[in-house]
Protein backbone atom coordinates (compact mmCIF):
# COMPACT_ATOMS: atom_id res chain seq x y z
CA UNK A 1 0.00 0.00 0.00
CA UNK A 2 1.10 3.55 -0.63
CA UNK A 3 1.69 5.50 2.56
CA UNK A 4 2.02 9.11 3.61
CA UNK A 5 4.47 10.14 6.31
CA UNK A 6 2.52 11.92 9.05
CA UNK A 7 5.69 12.60 11.00
CA UNK A 8 8.89 11.04 12.26
CA UNK A 9 11.07 11.28 15.34
CA UNK A 10 14.76 10.56 14.81
CA UNK A 11 15.59 10.54 18.55
CA UNK A 12 13.44 7.42 18.97
CA UNK A 13 13.77 6.07 15.39
CA UNK A 14 9.98 6.01 14.99
CA UNK A 15 7.74 7.24 12.17
CA UNK A 16 3.95 7.40 11.83
CA UNK A 17 2.52 6.46 8.43
CA UNK A 18 -1.00 6.87 7.06
CA UNK A 19 -2.50 4.56 4.45
CA UNK A 20 -5.77 4.94 2.58
CA UNK A 21 -7.49 1.60 3.04
CA UNK A 22 -10.83 0.24 4.09
CA UNK A 23 -10.81 -0.78 7.75
CA UNK A 24 -11.77 -4.33 6.73
CA UNK A 25 -8.53 -4.62 4.74
CA UNK A 26 -6.38 -4.22 7.85
CA UNK A 27 -6.12 -6.22 11.05
CA UNK A 28 -4.42 -4.17 13.78
CA UNK A 29 -2.20 -5.88 16.32
CA UNK A 30 -3.00 -5.54 20.00
CA UNK A 31 -0.54 -3.39 21.93
CA UNK A 32 0.90 -4.73 25.16
CA UNK A 33 2.54 -2.97 28.11
CA UNK A 34 6.33 -2.84 27.93
CA UNK A 35 6.51 -2.01 31.66
CA UNK A 36 5.29 -5.55 32.38
CA UNK A 37 7.92 -7.24 30.22
CA UNK A 38 10.41 -9.39 32.13
CA UNK A 39 13.75 -10.93 31.25
CA UNK A 40 13.15 -14.47 29.99
CA UNK A 41 9.75 -13.74 28.43
CA UNK A 42 9.17 -15.52 25.12
CA UNK A 43 9.03 -13.19 22.11
CA UNK A 44 8.52 -13.33 18.33
CA UNK A 45 9.92 -10.88 15.78
CA UNK A 46 8.28 -10.33 12.39
CA UNK A 47 9.93 -8.60 9.44
CA UNK A 48 11.52 -8.84 6.01
CA UNK A 49 15.18 -9.72 6.69
CA UNK A 50 17.34 -9.33 3.56
CA UNK A 51 14.13 -8.95 1.53
CA UNK A 52 12.64 -12.27 2.67
CA UNK A 53 9.09 -11.07 3.31
CA UNK A 54 7.03 -12.01 6.36
CA UNK A 55 9.75 -13.90 8.19
CA UNK A 56 9.12 -14.93 11.81
CA UNK A 57 11.83 -15.63 14.38
CA UNK A 58 11.50 -16.55 18.04
CA UNK A 59 13.55 -15.99 21.17
CA UNK A 60 13.39 -14.47 24.62
CA UNK A 61 13.81 -11.08 26.23
CA UNK A 62 17.53 -11.04 27.02
CA UNK A 63 17.71 -7.76 28.97
CA UNK A 64 15.78 -4.59 29.74
CA UNK A 65 16.61 -0.91 30.21
CA UNK A 66 19.29 -0.88 27.52
CA UNK A 67 20.40 2.41 25.94
CA UNK A 68 21.26 2.60 22.22
CA UNK A 69 22.06 5.45 19.84
CA UNK A 70 19.39 6.75 17.47
CA UNK A 71 19.94 7.93 13.89
CA UNK A 72 20.00 11.45 15.37
CA UNK A 73 22.97 10.37 17.52
CA UNK A 74 20.88 10.79 20.65
CA UNK A 75 20.21 8.03 23.18
CA UNK A 76 17.12 5.82 23.07
CA UNK A 77 16.51 4.63 26.62
CA UNK A 78 14.63 1.72 28.18
CA UNK A 79 15.20 -0.44 25.09
CA UNK A 80 14.35 -4.15 25.05
CA UNK A 81 17.16 -6.57 24.13
CA UNK A 82 16.26 -9.90 22.54
CA UNK A 83 18.03 -12.91 21.05
CA UNK A 84 15.24 -13.42 18.48
CA UNK A 85 16.95 -13.28 15.09
CA UNK A 86 16.80 -9.69 13.77
CA UNK A 87 18.60 -8.67 10.59
CA UNK A 88 18.54 -5.89 8.00
CA UNK A 89 14.92 -5.61 6.92
CA UNK A 90 13.47 -6.37 10.35
CA UNK A 91 13.57 -2.72 11.41
CA UNK A 92 10.06 -1.35 11.90
CA UNK A 93 8.60 -4.82 12.44
CA UNK A 94 6.89 -5.76 15.70
CA UNK A 95 8.30 -7.67 18.65
CA UNK A 96 5.43 -9.70 20.08
CA UNK A 97 4.95 -11.43 23.41
CA UNK A 98 3.49 -14.91 23.84
CA UNK A 99 -0.03 -13.46 23.82
CA UNK A 100 0.55 -11.90 20.39
CA UNK A 101 0.71 -8.34 21.76
CA UNK A 102 3.23 -5.81 20.47
CA UNK A 103 5.76 -5.00 23.20
CA UNK A 104 8.24 -3.18 20.96
CA UNK A 105 9.33 -2.18 17.46
CA UNK A 106 12.56 -3.76 16.22
CA UNK A 107 15.19 -1.16 15.45
CA UNK A 108 18.86 -2.28 15.64
CA UNK A 109 21.30 -5.12 16.15
CA UNK A 110 24.79 -5.40 17.59
CA UNK A 111 27.15 -7.44 15.42
CA UNK A 112 30.38 -7.36 17.40
CA UNK A 113 32.32 -6.05 14.39
CA UNK A 114 32.00 -3.13 12.00
CA UNK A 115 32.52 -5.55 9.09
CA UNK A 116 29.67 -7.89 10.06
CA UNK A 117 26.04 -7.40 9.09
CA UNK A 118 24.40 -10.61 10.34
CA UNK A 119 22.71 -11.36 13.64
CA UNK A 120 24.76 -12.65 16.56
CA UNK A 121 21.87 -12.86 18.98
CA UNK A 122 21.77 -9.26 20.17
CA UNK A 123 18.83 -7.28 18.84
CA UNK A 124 16.99 -4.24 20.18
CA UNK A 125 13.40 -3.00 20.12
CA UNK A 126 11.99 0.38 21.11
CA UNK A 127 9.42 -0.36 23.86
CA UNK A 128 5.78 -0.03 22.91
CA UNK A 129 5.05 2.43 25.74
CA UNK A 130 7.56 4.80 24.14
CA UNK A 131 5.92 4.16 20.76
CA UNK A 132 2.50 5.08 22.18
CA UNK A 133 3.76 8.43 23.44
CA UNK A 134 5.64 9.22 20.22
CA UNK A 135 2.72 8.27 17.96
CA UNK A 136 0.27 10.32 20.02
CA UNK A 137 2.43 13.42 19.58
CA UNK A 138 3.10 12.74 15.89
CA UNK A 139 -0.62 12.36 15.22
CA UNK A 140 -1.45 15.57 17.06
CA UNK A 141 1.47 17.82 16.04
CA UNK A 142 3.53 16.00 13.40
CA UNK A 143 6.55 16.20 15.73
CA UNK A 144 7.70 15.03 19.15
CA UNK A 145 8.93 17.27 21.94
CA UNK A 146 11.66 15.81 24.14
CA UNK A 147 12.52 17.37 27.47
CA UNK A 148 16.00 18.13 28.75
CA UNK A 149 17.65 19.86 31.67
CA UNK A 150 20.00 21.71 29.32
CA UNK A 151 23.47 20.79 30.54
CA UNK A 152 26.63 19.04 29.45
CA UNK A 153 28.17 16.81 32.10
CA UNK A 154 30.92 14.35 32.99
CA UNK A 155 30.50 11.32 35.22
CA UNK A 156 32.40 11.76 38.47
CA UNK A 157 34.48 8.86 39.80
CA UNK A 158 36.06 8.27 43.24
CA UNK A 159 39.60 8.98 41.99
CA UNK A 160 38.72 12.43 40.65
CA UNK A 161 36.60 13.12 43.74
CA UNK A 162 39.54 12.33 46.01
CA UNK A 163 42.06 14.26 43.89
CA UNK A 164 40.02 17.47 44.00
CA UNK A 165 38.59 16.93 47.52
CA UNK A 166 35.00 16.93 46.25
CA UNK A 167 32.11 16.38 48.71
CA UNK A 168 30.75 13.30 46.87
CA UNK A 169 32.33 10.29 45.17
CA UNK A 170 29.73 10.05 42.42
CA UNK A 171 27.48 12.38 40.49
CA UNK A 172 27.60 14.53 37.37
CA UNK A 173 30.09 17.37 36.98
CA UNK A 174 28.31 20.16 35.10
CA UNK A 175 30.61 21.18 32.25
CA UNK A 176 28.23 23.31 30.16
CA UNK A 177 24.87 25.05 30.57
CA UNK A 178 22.87 25.77 27.42
CA UNK A 179 21.81 29.38 26.95
CA UNK A 180 18.10 29.86 27.59
CA UNK A 181 17.64 26.34 28.97
CA UNK A 182 15.85 25.38 32.17
CA UNK A 183 19.22 24.80 33.80
CA UNK A 184 20.36 28.32 32.89
CA UNK A 185 17.18 29.89 34.23
CA UNK A 186 17.51 27.88 37.46
CA UNK A 187 21.04 29.21 37.96
CA UNK A 188 22.92 25.94 37.58
CA UNK A 189 26.62 26.68 37.21
CA UNK A 190 29.13 24.98 34.91
CA UNK A 191 32.78 24.47 35.77
CA UNK A 192 35.32 26.84 34.27
CA UNK A 193 38.58 25.13 35.19
CA UNK A 194 39.85 22.53 32.73
CA UNK A 195 42.44 20.04 33.97
CA UNK A 196 44.03 16.92 32.54
CA UNK A 197 44.39 13.81 34.69
CA UNK A 198 46.12 10.73 33.25
CA UNK A 199 45.51 12.08 29.75
CA UNK A 200 41.79 12.70 30.29
CA UNK A 201 40.30 16.21 30.36
CA UNK A 202 38.03 17.25 33.21
CA UNK A 203 36.09 20.45 33.84
CA UNK A 204 35.85 21.23 37.55
CA UNK A 205 34.58 24.03 39.75
CA UNK A 206 30.92 23.82 38.74
CA UNK A 207 27.87 22.24 40.33
CA UNK A 208 27.78 18.47 40.92
CA UNK A 209 24.34 16.91 40.33
CA UNK A 210 23.62 13.99 42.65
CA UNK A 211 19.89 13.27 42.19
CA UNK A 212 16.88 14.11 40.00
CA UNK A 213 13.41 13.84 41.51
CA UNK A 214 14.94 11.56 44.13
CA UNK A 215 16.67 9.31 41.58
CA UNK A 216 20.40 8.96 42.23
CA UNK A 217 22.60 10.30 39.41
CA UNK A 218 25.72 8.20 39.01
CA UNK A 219 25.83 8.43 35.21
CA UNK A 220 24.61 10.53 32.31
CA UNK A 221 22.27 7.64 31.44
CA UNK A 222 20.65 8.09 34.86
CA UNK A 223 19.81 11.71 34.00
CA UNK A 224 18.38 10.63 30.64
CA UNK A 225 16.23 8.03 32.36
CA UNK A 226 14.97 10.67 34.79
CA UNK A 227 13.78 12.88 31.92
CA UNK A 228 12.61 10.28 29.39
CA UNK A 229 8.95 10.41 30.47
CA UNK A 230 8.93 14.15 31.12
CA UNK A 231 7.53 16.85 28.85
CA UNK A 232 8.99 20.30 28.16
CA UNK A 233 7.59 22.70 30.72
CA UNK A 234 7.43 20.12 33.51
CA UNK A 235 9.45 20.66 36.68
CA UNK A 236 12.25 18.51 38.03
CA UNK A 237 13.96 18.78 41.41
CA UNK A 238 17.72 18.49 41.15
CA UNK A 239 19.86 17.91 44.23
CA UNK A 240 23.39 19.20 43.81
CA UNK A 241 26.57 20.27 45.51
CA UNK A 242 27.83 23.81 44.97
CA UNK A 243 31.21 23.73 46.65
CA UNK A 244 30.62 22.00 49.98
CA UNK A 245 27.01 23.08 50.22
CA UNK A 246 24.17 20.76 49.23
CA UNK A 247 21.22 22.45 47.53
CA UNK A 248 17.93 21.53 45.85
CA UNK A 249 17.02 23.41 42.68
CA UNK A 250 13.73 23.31 40.74
CA UNK A 251 14.30 23.24 36.98
CA UNK A 252 11.63 23.78 34.33
CA UNK A 253 12.60 21.34 31.59
CA UNK A 254 13.22 22.82 28.16
CA UNK A 255 12.62 21.34 24.71
CA UNK A 256 15.56 19.38 23.37
CA UNK A 257 16.64 20.63 19.98
CA UNK A 258 17.20 18.16 17.15
Foldseek 3Di string as FASTA:
>chain_A
DDWDWLAAAQQQRDTDIDDDDDPVVDDDFAADELVPFDWFFKKKAFWQAVNNHGDIWIWTFHDWFDWDATPVRHIQTGKTKWQTWDFPGRAQTFIATPVRHGQFGWHDADDPDPPDGGHPRTTITRGVVLVVQQVVCSVVPNYDWFWDQAFDWDWAAQVVCVVVVNQDHTFTQTAGGDPPFLCVVQPFWHADDWDADPNDIDGDQGKGWQAKQRHGHRDPSSRCVSRGPPGQQDWIWTWIDNGNDIDIIITRIHTDDD
